[in-house]
Amino acid sequence: MQNRPYRSALYIPGSKDRALEKARSLPVDAILFDLEDAVAPDAKIASRDTLHAALENGGYGQRQRIVRINGLDTAWGAEDAAAVAAMDCDAVLLPKVDGTEDVDAFAKIFPDLPIWAMMETPQGILNAPSIAAHDRIAGFVMGTNDLAKDLNSRGRVSLMTSLQLCVLAARTTGIVVLDGVYNAFKDGEGLKAECAEGRDMGFDGKSLIHPAQVAVANEAFGPTADEIELAERQIAAFEMAKAEGQGVAVVDGRIVENLHIVTARATLAKAAAIATLEKS
């Protein structure tokens, strides 16, 4: 379980000064500054300078600042990469990663910057374990819209295998994995249901397209008061059992072993990290 919260990751167009300003006050855990899909072709070049200036001015607090660039196979990718290498950001997000060779191509440009991968192509999904194991990869973001298009599929159920493969790959290597966007940004109940589903599947958080979605994602992917209280009781009971020479404890009629304590401590650490982030 990731202790640093990534409950909400909001896409912000790198070309929009107003949106870049508003993001400084939004209660998001991460900002996905976008130079790719959210920026029109005729604005892509200027967006690099706009985003560079916004990041230079700061004001984003403890939010993770992740910049998505265009692919190297586009007219803008190489210059995007060069521009981001000079930006004050926390990570770069690569679009349409098909395999480790795509990561290698960018790793030379960003020798020290953590790299995240958009998992949005059939080839990328099949290569998820090797991509996740790359020593420069720090996170996955599911690109469910592009993936559905390439699969010629309809409905989230058709994406379940892809989603679960990426969660498995991320958990194997310990990287962050974020669920894809929910397009109907005015449908709060639908978003809530999809966030709950994503959390149950093991995602760390959800990528978002509108500020109105932030509160729902933060609630869904953060520990609940009941989960925090249970974690505290499990730890206390287990420590007492150990002091009495026992290897297991019982809480609410359920066996509590060391593996449950690992999860309980991670839950409390995540809750503490969220509290710290929300104060910043």
C-alpha atoms as a PDB file:
ATOM      1  CA  MET A   1       0.000   0.000   0.000  1.00  0.00           C
ATOM      2  CA  GLN A   2       1.307   3.443  -0.902  1.00  0.00           C
ATOM      3  CA  ASN A   3       1.628   5.731   2.138  1.00  0.00           C
ATOM      4  CA  ARG A   4       1.954   8.909   0.105  1.00  0.00           C
ATOM      5  CA  PRO A   5      -1.610   9.666  -1.046  1.00  0.00           C
ATOM      6  CA  TYR A   6      -2.534   9.578  -4.718  1.00  0.00           C
ATOM      7  CA  ARG A   7      -6.286   9.515  -4.181  1.00  0.00           C
ATOM      8  CA  SER A   8      -6.974  12.200  -6.791  1.00  0.00           C
ATOM      9  CA  ALA A   9      -4.891  13.087  -9.853  1.00  0.00           C
ATOM     10  CA  LEU A  10      -6.452  15.904 -11.865  1.00  0.00           C
ATOM     11  CA  TYR A  11      -5.597  16.618 -15.506  1.00  0.00           C
ATOM     12  CA  ILE A  12      -4.878  20.326 -16.048  1.00  0.00           C
ATOM     13  CA  PRO A  13      -4.205  21.742 -19.552  1.00  0.00           C
ATOM     14  CA  GLY A  14      -0.693  23.157 -19.690  1.00  0.00           C
ATOM     15  CA  SER A  15      -1.929  25.876 -22.008  1.00  0.00           C
ATOM     16  CA  LYS A  16      -4.563  27.428 -19.724  1.00  0.00           C
ATOM     17  CA  ASP A  17      -3.307  30.072 -17.290  1.00  0.00           C
ATOM     18  CA  ARG A  18      -6.613  30.181 -15.435  1.00  0.00           C
ATOM     19  CA  ALA A  19      -6.688  26.419 -14.903  1.00  0.00           C
ATOM     20  CA  LEU A  20      -3.044  26.384 -13.815  1.00  0.00           C
ATOM     21  CA  GLU A  21      -3.820  29.076 -11.261  1.00  0.00           C
ATOM     22  CA  LYS A  22      -6.930  27.342  -9.936  1.00  0.00           C
ATOM     23  CA  ALA A  23      -5.023  24.080  -9.459  1.00  0.00           C
ATOM     24  CA  ARG A  24      -2.943  25.744  -6.743  1.00  0.00           C
ATOM     25  CA  SER A  25      -5.970  25.798  -4.431  1.00  0.00           C
ATOM     26  CA  LEU A  26      -7.625  22.482  -5.276  1.00  0.00           C
ATOM     27  CA  PRO A  27      -7.458  19.679  -2.661  1.00  0.00           C
ATOM     28  CA  VAL A  28      -5.885  17.178  -5.060  1.00  0.00           C
ATOM     29  CA  ASP A  29      -3.037  14.813  -4.244  1.00  0.00           C
ATOM     30  CA  ALA A  30      -1.479  15.053  -7.701  1.00  0.00           C
ATOM     31  CA  ILE A  31      -1.764  17.272 -10.752  1.00  0.00           C
ATOM     32  CA  LEU A  32      -1.333  15.793 -14.221  1.00  0.00           C
ATOM     33  CA  PHE A  33      -0.191  18.850 -16.154  1.00  0.00           C
ATOM     34  CA  ASP A  34      -1.102  17.963 -19.718  1.00  0.00           C
ATOM     35  CA  LEU A  35       0.755  18.910 -22.879  1.00  0.00           C
ATOM     36  CA  GLU A  36      -0.900  16.116 -24.864  1.00  0.00           C
ATOM     37  CA  ASP A  37      -4.639  15.465 -25.327  1.00  0.00           C
ATOM     38  CA  ALA A  38      -5.884  18.535 -23.427  1.00  0.00           C
ATOM     39  CA  VAL A  39      -3.925  20.953 -25.605  1.00  0.00           C
ATOM     40  CA  ALA A  40      -4.953  21.859 -29.157  1.00  0.00           C
ATOM     41  CA  PRO A  41      -2.291  21.350 -31.867  1.00  0.00           C
ATOM     42  CA  ASP A  42      -1.901  25.078 -32.502  1.00  0.00           C
ATOM     43  CA  ALA A  43      -1.309  25.716 -28.788  1.00  0.00           C
ATOM     44  CA  LYS A  44       1.159  22.919 -28.051  1.00  0.00           C
ATOM     45  CA  ILE A  45       4.349  24.883 -28.584  1.00  0.00           C
ATOM     46  CA  ALA A  46       3.250  27.887 -26.516  1.00  0.00           C
ATOM     47  CA  SER A  47       1.935  25.599 -23.768  1.00  0.00           C
ATOM     48  CA  ARG A  48       5.487  24.575 -22.872  1.00  0.00           C
ATOM     49  CA  ASP A  49       6.403  28.133 -21.889  1.00  0.00           C
ATOM     50  CA  THR A  50       3.050  28.643 -20.141  1.00  0.00           C
ATOM     51  CA  LEU A  51       3.518  25.546 -18.014  1.00  0.00           C
ATOM     52  CA  HIS A  52       7.197  26.255 -17.358  1.00  0.00           C
ATOM     53  CA  ALA A  53       6.302  29.689 -15.991  1.00  0.00           C
ATOM     54  CA  ALA A  54       3.507  28.314 -13.801  1.00  0.00           C
ATOM     55  CA  LEU A  55       5.774  25.684 -12.260  1.00  0.00           C
ATOM     56  CA  GLU A  56       8.531  28.236 -11.804  1.00  0.00           C
ATOM     57  CA  ASN A  57       6.122  30.480  -9.894  1.00  0.00           C
ATOM     58  CA  GLY A  58       5.260  27.578  -7.608  1.00  0.00           C
ATOM     59  CA  GLY A  59       2.377  27.594  -5.167  1.00  0.00           C
ATOM     60  CA  TYR A  60       1.383  23.945  -5.672  1.00  0.00           C
ATOM     61  CA  GLY A  61       2.337  22.928  -2.153  1.00  0.00           C
ATOM     62  CA  GLN A  62       2.778  19.230  -1.487  1.00  0.00           C
ATOM     63  CA  ARG A  63       0.809  18.163  -4.555  1.00  0.00           C
ATOM     64  CA  GLN A  64       2.726  15.860  -6.887  1.00  0.00           C
ATOM     65  CA  ARG A  65       3.445  17.716 -10.136  1.00  0.00           C
ATOM     66  CA  ILE A  66       3.443  15.255 -13.038  1.00  0.00           C
ATOM     67  CA  VAL A  67       3.739  16.469 -16.632  1.00  0.00           C
ATOM     68  CA  ARG A  68       2.286  14.441 -19.501  1.00  0.00           C
ATOM     69  CA  ILE A  69       4.083  15.019 -22.789  1.00  0.00           C
ATOM     70  CA  ASN A  70       3.372  14.066 -26.379  1.00  0.00           C
ATOM     71  CA  GLY A  71       4.954  10.909 -27.758  1.00  0.00           C
ATOM     72  CA  LEU A  72       8.274  10.910 -29.555  1.00  0.00           C
ATOM     73  CA  ASP A  73       6.438   9.745 -32.672  1.00  0.00           C
ATOM     74  CA  THR A  74       4.639  13.117 -32.865  1.00  0.00           C
ATOM     75  CA  ALA A  75       5.825  16.501 -34.074  1.00  0.00           C
ATOM     76  CA  TRP A  76       5.977  17.803 -30.494  1.00  0.00           C
ATOM     77  CA  GLY A  77       7.346  14.929 -28.408  1.00  0.00           C
ATOM     78  CA  ALA A  78      11.084  15.557 -28.607  1.00  0.00           C
ATOM     79  CA  GLU A  79      10.776  19.274 -27.791  1.00  0.00           C
ATOM     80  CA  ASP A  80       8.228  18.522 -25.063  1.00  0.00           C
ATOM     81  CA  ALA A  81      10.741  16.180 -23.485  1.00  0.00           C
ATOM     82  CA  ALA A  82      13.529  18.739 -23.655  1.00  0.00           C
ATOM     83  CA  ALA A  83      11.258  21.386 -22.139  1.00  0.00           C
ATOM     84  CA  VAL A  84      10.080  19.163 -19.282  1.00  0.00           C
ATOM     85  CA  ALA A  85      13.645  18.207 -18.445  1.00  0.00           C
ATOM     86  CA  ALA A  86      14.121  21.863 -17.462  1.00  0.00           C
ATOM     87  CA  MET A  87      10.826  22.224 -15.557  1.00  0.00           C
ATOM     88  CA  ASP A  88      10.367  22.199 -11.787  1.00  0.00           C
ATOM     89  CA  CYS A  89       8.210  19.063 -11.659  1.00  0.00           C
ATOM     90  CA  ASP A  90       8.172  15.764  -9.775  1.00  0.00           C
ATOM     91  CA  ALA A  91       7.724  13.309 -12.650  1.00  0.00           C
ATOM     92  CA  VAL A  92       7.041  12.981 -16.374  1.00  0.00           C
ATOM     93  CA  LEU A  93       4.135  10.952 -17.757  1.00  0.00           C
ATOM     94  CA  LEU A  94       4.712   9.163 -21.057  1.00  0.00           C
ATOM     95  CA  PRO A  95       1.752   8.491 -23.366  1.00  0.00           C
ATOM     96  CA  LYS A  96       0.980   5.181 -25.063  1.00  0.00           C
ATOM     97  CA  VAL A  97       3.825   3.154 -23.603  1.00  0.00           C
ATOM     98  CA  ASP A  98       4.000  -0.152 -25.465  1.00  0.00           C
ATOM     99  CA  GLY A  99       7.098  -1.619 -23.844  1.00  0.00           C
ATOM    100  CA  THR A 100      10.354  -1.014 -22.016  1.00  0.00           C
ATOM    101  CA  GLU A 101      12.005   0.322 -25.170  1.00  0.00           C
ATOM    102  CA  ASP A 102       9.689   3.343 -24.978  1.00  0.00           C
ATOM    103  CA  VAL A 103      10.838   3.981 -21.423  1.00  0.00           C
ATOM    104  CA  ASP A 104      14.477   3.582 -22.435  1.00  0.00           C
ATOM    105  CA  ALA A 105      14.081   6.236 -25.136  1.00  0.00           C
ATOM    106  CA  PHE A 106      12.952   8.802 -22.573  1.00  0.00           C
ATOM    107  CA  ALA A 107      15.206   7.665 -19.737  1.00  0.00           C
ATOM    108  CA  LYS A 108      18.185   9.171 -21.562  1.00  0.00           C
ATOM    109  CA  ILE A 109      16.422  12.539 -21.671  1.00  0.00           C
ATOM    110  CA  PHE A 110      15.391  12.462 -18.006  1.00  0.00           C
ATOM    111  CA  PRO A 111      18.350  10.902 -16.148  1.00  0.00           C
ATOM    112  CA  ASP A 112      16.998  11.818 -12.714  1.00  0.00           C
ATOM    113  CA  LEU A 113      13.281  12.477 -13.166  1.00  0.00           C
ATOM    114  CA  PRO A 114      10.851   9.675 -12.189  1.00  0.00           C
ATOM    115  CA  ILE A 115       8.912   8.333 -15.170  1.00  0.00           C
ATOM    116  CA  TRP A 116       5.242   7.364 -15.204  1.00  0.00           C
ATOM    117  CA  ALA A 117       3.570   5.400 -17.991  1.00  0.00           C
ATOM    118  CA  MET A 118       0.144   5.799 -19.564  1.00  0.00           C
ATOM    119  CA  MET A 119      -1.189   2.256 -19.909  1.00  0.00           C
ATOM    120  CA  GLU A 120      -3.558   2.687 -22.812  1.00  0.00           C
ATOM    121  CA  THR A 121      -2.617   0.327 -25.624  1.00  0.00           C
ATOM    122  CA  PRO A 122      -3.181  -3.434 -26.003  1.00  0.00           C
ATOM    123  CA  GLN A 123       0.569  -3.979 -26.428  1.00  0.00           C
ATOM    124  CA  GLY A 124       1.296  -1.956 -23.320  1.00  0.00           C
ATOM    125  CA  ILE A 125      -1.174  -4.008 -21.276  1.00  0.00           C
ATOM    126  CA  LEU A 126       0.437  -7.266 -22.409  1.00  0.00           C
ATOM    127  CA  ASN A 127       3.838  -5.851 -21.422  1.00  0.00           C
ATOM    128  CA  ALA A 128       2.662  -4.370 -18.107  1.00  0.00           C
ATOM    129  CA  PRO A 129       4.873  -6.620 -15.906  1.00  0.00           C
ATOM    130  CA  SER A 130       8.108  -5.701 -17.721  1.00  0.00           C
ATOM    131  CA  ILE A 131       7.173  -2.007 -17.898  1.00  0.00           C
ATOM    132  CA  ALA A 132       6.403  -1.925 -14.178  1.00  0.00           C
ATOM    133  CA  ALA A 133       9.719  -3.653 -13.450  1.00  0.00           C
ATOM    134  CA  HIS A 134      11.742  -1.029 -15.346  1.00  0.00           C
ATOM    135  CA  ASP A 135      14.010   0.697 -12.840  1.00  0.00           C
ATOM    136  CA  ARG A 136      12.881   4.166 -13.956  1.00  0.00           C
ATOM    137  CA  ILE A 137       9.130   3.606 -13.758  1.00  0.00           C
ATOM    138  CA  ALA A 138       7.423   5.090 -10.694  1.00  0.00           C
ATOM    139  CA  GLY A 139       3.753   4.834 -11.635  1.00  0.00           C
ATOM    140  CA  PHE A 140       1.022   3.753 -14.035  1.00  0.00           C
ATOM    141  CA  VAL A 141      -1.978   5.816 -15.145  1.00  0.00           C
ATOM    142  CA  MET A 142      -4.713   3.878 -16.925  1.00  0.00           C
ATOM    143  CA  GLY A 143      -5.783   5.433 -20.223  1.00  0.00           C
ATOM    144  CA  THR A 144      -9.159   3.734 -20.414  1.00  0.00           C
ATOM    145  CA  ASN A 145     -10.583   5.854 -23.241  1.00  0.00           C
ATOM    146  CA  ASP A 146      -7.766   5.072 -25.668  1.00  0.00           C
ATOM    147  CA  LEU A 147      -7.663   1.464 -24.547  1.00  0.00           C
ATOM    148  CA  ALA A 148     -11.389   0.984 -25.151  1.00  0.00           C
ATOM    149  CA  LYS A 149     -10.991   2.509 -28.614  1.00  0.00           C
ATOM    150  CA  ASP A 150      -8.150   0.169 -29.550  1.00  0.00           C
ATOM    151  CA  LEU A 151      -9.981  -2.859 -28.179  1.00  0.00           C
ATOM    152  CA  ASN A 152     -13.153  -1.887 -30.022  1.00  0.00           C
ATOM    153  CA  SER A 153     -14.955  -2.507 -26.743  1.00  0.00           C
ATOM    154  CA  ARG A 154     -17.889  -0.964 -24.909  1.00  0.00           C
ATOM    155  CA  GLY A 155     -18.356  -0.686 -21.172  1.00  0.00           C
ATOM    156  CA  ARG A 156     -15.961  -0.920 -18.251  1.00  0.00           C
ATOM    157  CA  VAL A 157     -16.489  -4.644 -17.834  1.00  0.00           C
ATOM    158  CA  SER A 158     -14.591  -5.186 -21.091  1.00  0.00           C
ATOM    159  CA  LEU A 159     -11.544  -3.477 -19.539  1.00  0.00           C
ATOM    160  CA  MET A 160     -11.406  -5.534 -16.351  1.00  0.00           C
ATOM    161  CA  THR A 161      -8.657  -7.888 -17.503  1.00  0.00           C
ATOM    162  CA  SER A 162      -6.487  -4.932 -18.545  1.00  0.00           C
ATOM    163  CA  LEU A 163      -7.128  -3.051 -15.317  1.00  0.00           C
ATOM    164  CA  GLN A 164      -6.347  -6.054 -13.147  1.00  0.00           C
ATOM    165  CA  LEU A 165      -3.190  -6.927 -15.080  1.00  0.00           C
ATOM    166  CA  CYS A 166      -1.855  -3.427 -14.435  1.00  0.00           C
ATOM    167  CA  VAL A 167      -2.735  -3.566 -10.742  1.00  0.00           C
ATOM    168  CA  LEU A 168      -0.969  -6.935 -10.468  1.00  0.00           C
ATOM    169  CA  ALA A 169       2.118  -5.589 -12.237  1.00  0.00           C
ATOM    170  CA  ALA A 170       2.183  -2.477 -10.045  1.00  0.00           C
ATOM    171  CA  ARG A 171       1.834  -4.459  -6.840  1.00  0.00           C
ATOM    172  CA  THR A 172       4.609  -6.813  -7.906  1.00  0.00           C
ATOM    173  CA  THR A 173       7.069  -3.937  -8.197  1.00  0.00           C
ATOM    174  CA  GLY A 174       5.661  -1.465  -5.662  1.00  0.00           C
ATOM    175  CA  ILE A 175       4.820   1.376  -8.034  1.00  0.00           C
ATOM    176  CA  VAL A 176       1.731   3.616  -7.917  1.00  0.00           C
ATOM    177  CA  VAL A 177      -1.240   2.715 -10.141  1.00  0.00           C
ATOM    178  CA  LEU A 178      -4.100   5.113 -10.901  1.00  0.00           C
ATOM    179  CA  ASP A 179      -7.478   4.208 -12.397  1.00  0.00           C
ATOM    180  CA  GLY A 180      -8.681   5.853 -15.615  1.00  0.00           C
ATOM    181  CA  VAL A 181     -10.978   8.847 -15.918  1.00  0.00           C
ATOM    182  CA  TYR A 182     -14.751   8.884 -15.544  1.00  0.00           C
ATOM    183  CA  ASN A 183     -16.041  10.877 -18.496  1.00  0.00           C
ATOM    184  CA  ALA A 184     -19.490  11.887 -17.193  1.00  0.00           C
ATOM    185  CA  PHE A 185     -18.142  14.563 -14.848  1.00  0.00           C
ATOM    186  CA  LYS A 186     -21.632  15.714 -13.816  1.00  0.00           C
ATOM    187  CA  ASP A 187     -22.653  12.193 -12.760  1.00  0.00           C
ATOM    188  CA  GLY A 188     -21.577  12.145  -9.126  1.00  0.00           C
ATOM    189  CA  GLU A 189     -23.218   8.829  -8.281  1.00  0.00           C
ATOM    190  CA  GLY A 190     -21.662   7.107 -11.268  1.00  0.00           C
ATOM    191  CA  LEU A 191     -18.250   8.460 -10.310  1.00  0.00           C
ATOM    192  CA  LYS A 192     -18.721   7.332  -6.724  1.00  0.00           C
ATOM    193  CA  ALA A 193     -19.557   3.793  -7.852  1.00  0.00           C
ATOM    194  CA  GLU A 194     -16.582   3.604 -10.209  1.00  0.00           C
ATOM    195  CA  CYS A 195     -14.221   4.967  -7.536  1.00  0.00           C
ATOM    196  CA  ALA A 196     -15.468   2.354  -5.067  1.00  0.00           C
ATOM    197  CA  GLU A 197     -14.909  -0.339  -7.669  1.00  0.00           C
ATOM    198  CA  GLY A 198     -11.412   0.940  -8.422  1.00  0.00           C
ATOM    199  CA  ARG A 199     -10.516   1.063  -4.743  1.00  0.00           C
ATOM    200  CA  ASP A 200     -11.757  -2.500  -4.257  1.00  0.00           C
ATOM    201  CA  MET A 201      -9.614  -3.603  -7.205  1.00  0.00           C
ATOM    202  CA  GLY A 202      -6.520  -2.161  -5.543  1.00  0.00           C
ATOM    203  CA  PHE A 203      -5.925   1.142  -7.336  1.00  0.00           C
ATOM    204  CA  ASP A 204      -4.192   3.885  -5.333  1.00  0.00           C
ATOM    205  CA  GLY A 205      -6.430   6.594  -6.743  1.00  0.00           C
ATOM    206  CA  LYS A 206      -8.200   7.910  -9.815  1.00  0.00           C
ATOM    207  CA  SER A 207      -7.268  10.247 -12.627  1.00  0.00           C
ATOM    208  CA  LEU A 208      -9.853  13.013 -13.009  1.00  0.00           C
ATOM    209  CA  ILE A 209     -10.976  15.474 -15.662  1.00  0.00           C
ATOM    210  CA  HIS A 210     -12.902  18.042 -13.604  1.00  0.00           C
ATOM    211  CA  PRO A 211     -12.444  19.713 -10.191  1.00  0.00           C
ATOM    212  CA  ALA A 212     -15.978  18.626  -9.225  1.00  0.00           C
ATOM    213  CA  GLN A 213     -14.727  15.026  -9.117  1.00  0.00           C
ATOM    214  CA  VAL A 214     -11.973  15.609  -6.557  1.00  0.00           C
ATOM    215  CA  ALA A 215     -13.953  15.266  -3.326  1.00  0.00           C
ATOM    216  CA  VAL A 216     -15.521  11.966  -4.405  1.00  0.00           C
ATOM    217  CA  ALA A 217     -12.148  10.449  -5.302  1.00  0.00           C
ATOM    218  CA  ASN A 218     -10.497  11.682  -2.104  1.00  0.00           C
ATOM    219  CA  GLU A 219     -13.194  10.084   0.003  1.00  0.00           C
ATOM    220  CA  ALA A 220     -13.222   6.810  -1.907  1.00  0.00           C
ATOM    221  CA  PHE A 221      -9.474   6.207  -1.889  1.00  0.00           C
ATOM    222  CA  GLY A 222      -8.677   7.453   1.611  1.00  0.00           C
ATOM    223  CA  PRO A 223      -8.953   5.289   4.727  1.00  0.00           C
ATOM    224  CA  THR A 224     -12.360   5.603   6.380  1.00  0.00           C
ATOM    225  CA  ALA A 225     -12.783   6.423  10.055  1.00  0.00           C
ATOM    226  CA  ASP A 226     -13.853   2.811  10.639  1.00  0.00           C
ATOM    227  CA  GLU A 227     -10.745   1.473   8.863  1.00  0.00           C
ATOM    228  CA  ILE A 228      -8.488   3.716  10.935  1.00  0.00           C
ATOM    229  CA  GLU A 229     -10.178   2.699  14.169  1.00  0.00           C
ATOM    230  CA  LEU A 230      -9.935  -1.000  13.274  1.00  0.00           C
ATOM    231  CA  ALA A 231      -6.258  -0.646  12.367  1.00  0.00           C
ATOM    232  CA  GLU A 232      -5.538   0.922  15.751  1.00  0.00           C
ATOM    233  CA  ARG A 233      -7.368  -1.859  17.587  1.00  0.00           C
ATOM    234  CA  GLN A 234      -5.636  -4.574  15.556  1.00  0.00           C
ATOM    235  CA  ILE A 235      -2.212  -3.168  16.364  1.00  0.00           C
ATOM    236  CA  ALA A 236      -3.028  -2.823  20.066  1.00  0.00           C
ATOM    237  CA  ALA A 237      -4.424  -6.358  20.270  1.00  0.00           C
ATOM    238  CA  PHE A 238      -1.494  -7.865  18.399  1.00  0.00           C
ATOM    239  CA  GLU A 239       1.063  -6.082  20.588  1.00  0.00           C
ATOM    240  CA  MET A 240      -0.737  -7.374  23.666  1.00  0.00           C
ATOM    241  CA  ALA A 241      -0.787 -10.892  22.254  1.00  0.00           C
ATOM    242  CA  LYS A 242       2.950 -10.727  21.522  1.00  0.00           C
ATOM    243  CA  ALA A 243       3.640  -9.555  25.062  1.00  0.00           C
ATOM    244  CA  GLU A 244       1.819 -12.664  26.274  1.00  0.00           C
ATOM    245  CA  GLY A 245       3.876 -14.905  24.011  1.00  0.00           C
ATOM    246  CA  GLN A 246       1.152 -15.410  21.411  1.00  0.00           C
ATOM    247  CA  GLY A 247       1.639 -15.240  17.664  1.00  0.00           C
ATOM    248  CA  VAL A 248      -1.887 -14.137  16.789  1.00  0.00           C
ATOM    249  CA  ALA A 249      -4.631 -11.956  18.253  1.00  0.00           C
ATOM    250  CA  VAL A 250      -8.392 -11.899  17.849  1.00  0.00           C
ATOM    251  CA  VAL A 251     -10.306  -8.714  16.983  1.00  0.00           C
ATOM    252  CA  ASP A 252     -14.050  -8.722  16.353  1.00  0.00           C
ATOM    253  CA  GLY A 253     -13.995 -12.499  16.156  1.00  0.00           C
ATOM    254  CA  ARG A 254     -11.328 -12.549  13.448  1.00  0.00           C
ATOM    255  CA  ILE A 255      -7.764 -13.789  13.604  1.00  0.00           C
ATOM    256  CA  VAL A 256      -5.150 -11.015  13.359  1.00  0.00           C
ATOM    257  CA  GLU A 257      -1.683 -12.074  12.217  1.00  0.00           C
ATOM    258  CA  ASN A 258       1.442 -10.126  11.356  1.00  0.00           C
ATOM    259  CA  LEU A 259       0.303  -9.655   7.734  1.00  0.00           C
ATOM    260  CA  HIS A 260      -2.785  -7.822   9.012  1.00  0.00           C
ATOM    261  CA  ILE A 261      -0.554  -5.582  11.117  1.00  0.00           C
ATOM    262  CA  VAL A 262       1.513  -4.640   8.073  1.00  0.00           C
ATOM    263  CA  THR A 263      -1.698  -3.492   6.375  1.00  0.00           C
ATOM    264  CA  ALA A 264      -2.920  -1.770   9.551  1.00  0.00           C
ATOM    265  CA  ARG A 265       0.299   0.215   9.953  1.00  0.00           C
ATOM    266  CA  ALA A 266       0.187   1.208   6.288  1.00  0.00           C
ATOM    267  CA  THR A 267      -3.401   2.400   6.743  1.00  0.00           C
ATOM    268  CA  LEU A 268      -2.402   4.621   9.654  1.00  0.00           C
ATOM    269  CA  ALA A 269       0.640   5.926   7.785  1.00  0.00           C
ATOM    270  CA  LYS A 270      -1.530   6.809   4.804  1.00  0.00           C
ATOM    271  CA  ALA A 271      -4.072   8.549   7.033  1.00  0.00           C
ATOM    272  CA  ALA A 272      -1.267  10.564   8.626  1.00  0.00           C
ATOM    273  CA  ALA A 273       0.138  11.482   5.200  1.00  0.00           C
ATOM    274  CA  ILE A 274      -3.303  12.639   4.052  1.00  0.00           C
ATOM    275  CA  ALA A 275      -3.703  14.761   7.178  1.00  0.00           C
ATOM    276  CA  THR A 276      -0.319  16.384   6.558  1.00  0.00           C
ATOM    277  CA  LEU A 277      -1.118  17.021   2.898  1.00  0.00           C
ATOM    278  CA  GLU A 278      -4.487  18.581   3.716  1.00  0.00           C
ATOM    279  CA  LYS A 279      -2.847  20.999   6.151  1.00  0.00           C
ATOM    280  CA  SER A 280      -0.372  22.226   3.549  1.00  0.00           C
END
